[in-house]
């Protein structure tokens, strides 16, 4: 297992005060287990979906996370007290604790969702920014994209979601901010990487190193 595998494990552990033992590692892409590939594990194959039901382990995870997100929304990126059951299950699917729900759901009306997002099209400033970012800047300014999970092969929506989250950098970035893309998966990935940190020192780093070298043998 990699350092990030162990850090992800500790990220899923919640302390008594509601904080997580470690932050989410950046640009983390866990390897699928054989059960995941065959569809016999707790996580369904990619492309499959299942909205969890009472009596299933995932259902208990969703109920618990709903309650925790209402109290500690800063610890659950994109979730709050108003998140739907399906929103929470979708979040947990990104954590590999649940399958993707068949109806992703939304706590907004269809009309509100349409006005809250817009996929950039050719001729728009945001679309040009996406092309510059993918074809030029990601190689010329590597530090700008560190931890984002983006590569030149990432989709337009992934780049748009990243650019949408740059308004906090400075006023100039805020003026050039892209609208939120309508691709919810791209939006979720960008939010996940926005709040990530791969440990290099401190208590989390020590926990990971101990778990990887000694704890796993005990």
Protein backbone atom coordinates (compact mmCIF):
# COMPACT_ATOMS: atom_id res chain seq x y z
CA UNK A 1 0.00 0.00 0.00
CA UNK A 2 1.15 3.58 -0.68
CA UNK A 3 1.60 6.46 1.76
CA UNK A 4 -1.60 7.99 0.36
CA UNK A 5 -3.48 4.70 0.98
CA UNK A 6 -2.62 4.90 4.67
CA UNK A 7 -3.40 8.62 4.87
CA UNK A 8 -6.78 8.00 3.24
CA UNK A 9 -7.44 5.32 5.86
CA UNK A 10 -6.69 7.78 8.68
CA UNK A 11 -8.77 10.45 6.92
CA UNK A 12 -11.81 8.22 7.36
CA UNK A 13 -11.27 8.05 11.14
CA UNK A 14 -13.17 10.71 13.10
CA UNK A 15 -11.95 11.92 16.50
CA UNK A 16 -14.24 12.55 19.49
CA UNK A 17 -14.44 16.27 18.68
CA UNK A 18 -15.66 15.55 15.13
CA UNK A 19 -12.34 16.30 13.42
CA UNK A 20 -10.67 13.84 11.09
CA UNK A 21 -7.40 12.21 12.08
CA UNK A 22 -5.80 13.22 8.79
CA UNK A 23 -6.72 15.51 5.90
CA UNK A 24 -7.65 13.91 2.59
CA UNK A 25 -4.50 13.17 0.54
CA UNK A 26 -4.20 15.15 -2.67
CA UNK A 27 -4.56 13.62 -6.13
CA UNK A 28 -5.39 10.23 -4.60
CA UNK A 29 -6.59 7.48 -6.93
CA UNK A 30 -6.94 4.17 -5.02
CA UNK A 31 -6.46 0.94 -6.89
CA UNK A 32 -9.63 -1.09 -7.33
CA UNK A 33 -9.64 -4.43 -5.55
CA UNK A 34 -10.51 -7.65 -7.36
CA UNK A 35 -13.93 -7.59 -5.70
CA UNK A 36 -14.52 -4.10 -7.08
CA UNK A 37 -13.62 -5.32 -10.56
CA UNK A 38 -15.87 -8.37 -10.42
CA UNK A 39 -18.71 -6.55 -8.69
CA UNK A 40 -18.74 -8.86 -5.64
CA UNK A 41 -17.39 -6.25 -3.20
CA UNK A 42 -19.27 -3.63 -1.22
CA UNK A 43 -18.61 -1.07 -3.97
CA UNK A 44 -20.36 -1.67 -7.26
CA UNK A 45 -18.55 -1.76 -10.58
CA UNK A 46 -18.10 1.53 -12.34
CA UNK A 47 -21.22 2.16 -14.39
CA UNK A 48 -23.46 0.29 -11.94
CA UNK A 49 -25.58 2.08 -9.37
CA UNK A 50 -27.55 1.20 -6.26
CA UNK A 51 -29.45 3.45 -3.88
CA UNK A 52 -28.82 1.92 -0.49
CA UNK A 53 -31.66 0.57 1.66
CA UNK A 54 -32.22 0.03 5.41
CA UNK A 55 -30.27 -2.95 6.68
CA UNK A 56 -27.25 -2.32 4.45
CA UNK A 57 -23.93 -1.09 5.81
CA UNK A 58 -23.88 1.82 3.36
CA UNK A 59 -27.30 2.97 4.61
CA UNK A 60 -25.91 3.28 8.14
CA UNK A 61 -22.92 5.25 6.78
CA UNK A 62 -25.27 7.66 5.01
CA UNK A 63 -27.43 8.28 8.09
CA UNK A 64 -24.37 8.84 10.27
CA UNK A 65 -22.71 11.17 7.74
CA UNK A 66 -25.93 13.18 7.31
CA UNK A 67 -25.98 13.87 11.03
CA UNK A 68 -22.27 14.68 11.20
CA UNK A 69 -22.40 16.98 8.15
CA UNK A 70 -25.20 18.96 9.77
CA UNK A 71 -22.92 19.62 12.77
CA UNK A 72 -19.48 19.76 11.11
CA UNK A 73 -20.10 20.85 7.52
CA UNK A 74 -16.49 22.07 7.11
CA UNK A 75 -15.33 18.47 7.42
CA UNK A 76 -17.60 17.21 4.63
CA UNK A 77 -16.89 19.11 1.42
CA UNK A 78 -20.09 20.02 -0.39
CA UNK A 79 -22.43 18.66 2.32
CA UNK A 80 -24.51 20.49 4.90
CA UNK A 81 -27.72 20.13 6.90
CA UNK A 82 -29.79 20.48 3.71
CA UNK A 83 -28.03 17.77 1.66
CA UNK A 84 -30.33 15.02 0.44
CA UNK A 85 -29.89 11.34 1.20
CA UNK A 86 -28.62 10.77 -2.36
CA UNK A 87 -26.18 13.70 -2.09
CA UNK A 88 -24.63 12.09 0.98
CA UNK A 89 -24.45 8.66 -0.65
CA UNK A 90 -22.78 10.24 -3.70
CA UNK A 91 -20.23 11.85 -1.37
CA UNK A 92 -19.56 8.48 0.28
CA UNK A 93 -19.18 6.85 -3.15
CA UNK A 94 -16.26 9.25 -3.72
CA UNK A 95 -14.83 7.95 -0.43
CA UNK A 96 -15.30 4.36 -1.70
CA UNK A 97 -17.62 3.55 1.21
CA UNK A 98 -20.82 3.26 -0.85
CA UNK A 99 -21.92 2.55 -4.42
CA UNK A 100 -23.05 5.46 -6.58
CA UNK A 101 -26.78 6.12 -6.00
CA UNK A 102 -29.01 5.59 -9.02
CA UNK A 103 -30.68 8.98 -8.55
CA UNK A 104 -27.96 11.46 -7.51
CA UNK A 105 -30.65 13.84 -6.25
CA UNK A 106 -30.25 17.48 -5.40
CA UNK A 107 -31.45 19.80 -2.70
CA UNK A 108 -32.23 22.43 -5.35
CA UNK A 109 -35.09 22.60 -7.78
CA UNK A 110 -34.40 21.85 -11.44
CA UNK A 111 -34.79 25.51 -12.37
CA UNK A 112 -32.43 26.61 -9.63
CA UNK A 113 -29.89 23.99 -10.66
CA UNK A 114 -30.01 25.21 -14.25
CA UNK A 115 -29.35 28.82 -13.26
CA UNK A 116 -26.61 27.80 -10.81
CA UNK A 117 -24.47 26.05 -13.41
CA UNK A 118 -23.33 26.59 -16.98
CA UNK A 119 -21.04 24.46 -19.15
CA UNK A 120 -18.62 26.72 -21.05
CA UNK A 121 -19.00 26.77 -24.84
CA UNK A 122 -16.68 27.83 -27.71
CA UNK A 123 -16.61 31.61 -28.03
CA UNK A 124 -16.91 32.22 -24.28
CA UNK A 125 -14.04 33.58 -22.20
CA UNK A 126 -14.18 30.64 -19.81
CA UNK A 127 -13.88 28.16 -22.68
CA UNK A 128 -10.72 29.95 -23.87
CA UNK A 129 -9.34 29.88 -20.32
CA UNK A 130 -9.95 26.12 -20.21
CA UNK A 131 -8.01 25.57 -23.43
CA UNK A 132 -5.11 27.75 -22.26
CA UNK A 133 -5.00 25.92 -18.93
CA UNK A 134 -4.99 22.44 -20.48
CA UNK A 135 -2.79 23.05 -23.53
CA UNK A 136 -0.29 25.54 -22.10
CA UNK A 137 -0.35 26.54 -18.46
CA UNK A 138 -0.52 23.07 -16.89
CA UNK A 139 2.97 22.36 -18.29
CA UNK A 140 4.43 25.87 -17.99
CA UNK A 141 3.16 26.53 -14.46
CA UNK A 142 3.04 23.12 -12.77
CA UNK A 143 2.76 24.62 -9.27
CA UNK A 144 -0.57 26.26 -10.16
CA UNK A 145 -2.18 22.84 -10.56
CA UNK A 146 -0.37 20.85 -7.87
CA UNK A 147 -2.87 18.71 -5.95
CA UNK A 148 -5.66 19.38 -8.45
CA UNK A 149 -5.53 15.92 -10.03
CA UNK A 150 -5.59 17.56 -13.48
CA UNK A 151 -3.60 16.42 -16.50
CA UNK A 152 -3.70 17.38 -20.18
CA UNK A 153 -6.09 14.47 -20.63
CA UNK A 154 -8.62 15.81 -18.10
CA UNK A 155 -12.01 16.86 -19.43
CA UNK A 156 -13.12 20.43 -20.12
CA UNK A 157 -15.55 20.11 -17.22
CA UNK A 158 -12.74 19.13 -14.83
CA UNK A 159 -10.74 22.20 -15.85
CA UNK A 160 -13.82 24.41 -15.64
CA UNK A 161 -14.56 23.16 -12.11
CA UNK A 162 -10.97 23.90 -11.11
CA UNK A 163 -11.13 27.42 -12.59
CA UNK A 164 -14.48 28.01 -10.90
CA UNK A 165 -12.79 27.49 -7.52
CA UNK A 166 -9.98 30.01 -8.10
CA UNK A 167 -11.89 33.15 -7.07
CA UNK A 168 -10.38 32.99 -3.57
CA UNK A 169 -6.83 33.58 -4.89
CA UNK A 170 -7.14 37.31 -5.67
CA UNK A 171 -9.49 39.90 -7.17
CA UNK A 172 -8.16 39.32 -10.68
CA UNK A 173 -8.91 35.61 -10.45
CA UNK A 174 -12.35 36.45 -9.12
CA UNK A 175 -13.11 38.60 -12.17
CA UNK A 176 -12.09 35.77 -14.50
CA UNK A 177 -13.88 33.06 -12.54
CA UNK A 178 -15.58 30.40 -14.65
CA UNK A 179 -19.18 29.48 -13.81
CA UNK A 180 -19.78 26.18 -12.06
CA UNK A 181 -20.02 23.38 -14.66
CA UNK A 182 -23.21 21.32 -14.81
CA UNK A 183 -21.16 18.10 -14.59
CA UNK A 184 -21.66 17.25 -10.93
CA UNK A 185 -18.91 14.63 -10.87
CA UNK A 186 -16.32 17.14 -12.11
CA UNK A 187 -17.54 19.63 -9.52
CA UNK A 188 -17.20 17.04 -6.73
CA UNK A 189 -13.67 16.10 -7.80
CA UNK A 190 -12.61 19.75 -7.78
CA UNK A 191 -14.09 20.30 -4.32
CA UNK A 192 -12.34 17.22 -2.98
CA UNK A 193 -8.93 18.34 -4.25
CA UNK A 194 -9.54 21.91 -3.08
CA UNK A 195 -9.50 20.80 0.56
CA UNK A 196 -6.76 18.16 0.30
CA UNK A 197 -3.30 18.05 1.86
CA UNK A 198 -0.77 15.25 1.60
CA UNK A 199 0.98 15.05 4.97
CA UNK A 200 4.73 15.76 5.05
CA UNK A 201 5.15 16.34 8.78
CA UNK A 202 3.20 16.62 12.00
CA UNK A 203 0.81 14.31 13.83
CA UNK A 204 -0.88 12.95 10.70
CA UNK A 205 2.47 12.16 9.06
CA UNK A 206 3.65 10.37 12.19
CA UNK A 207 0.42 8.35 12.35
CA UNK A 208 0.78 7.31 8.71
CA UNK A 209 4.42 6.31 9.10
CA UNK A 210 3.70 4.34 12.25
CA UNK A 211 0.72 2.61 10.66
CA UNK A 212 2.68 1.75 7.51
CA UNK A 213 5.83 0.47 9.21
CA UNK A 214 4.86 -0.85 12.66
CA UNK A 215 1.12 -0.71 13.28
CA UNK A 216 0.24 -3.01 10.39
CA UNK A 217 2.50 -5.72 11.86
CA UNK A 218 1.01 -5.57 15.36
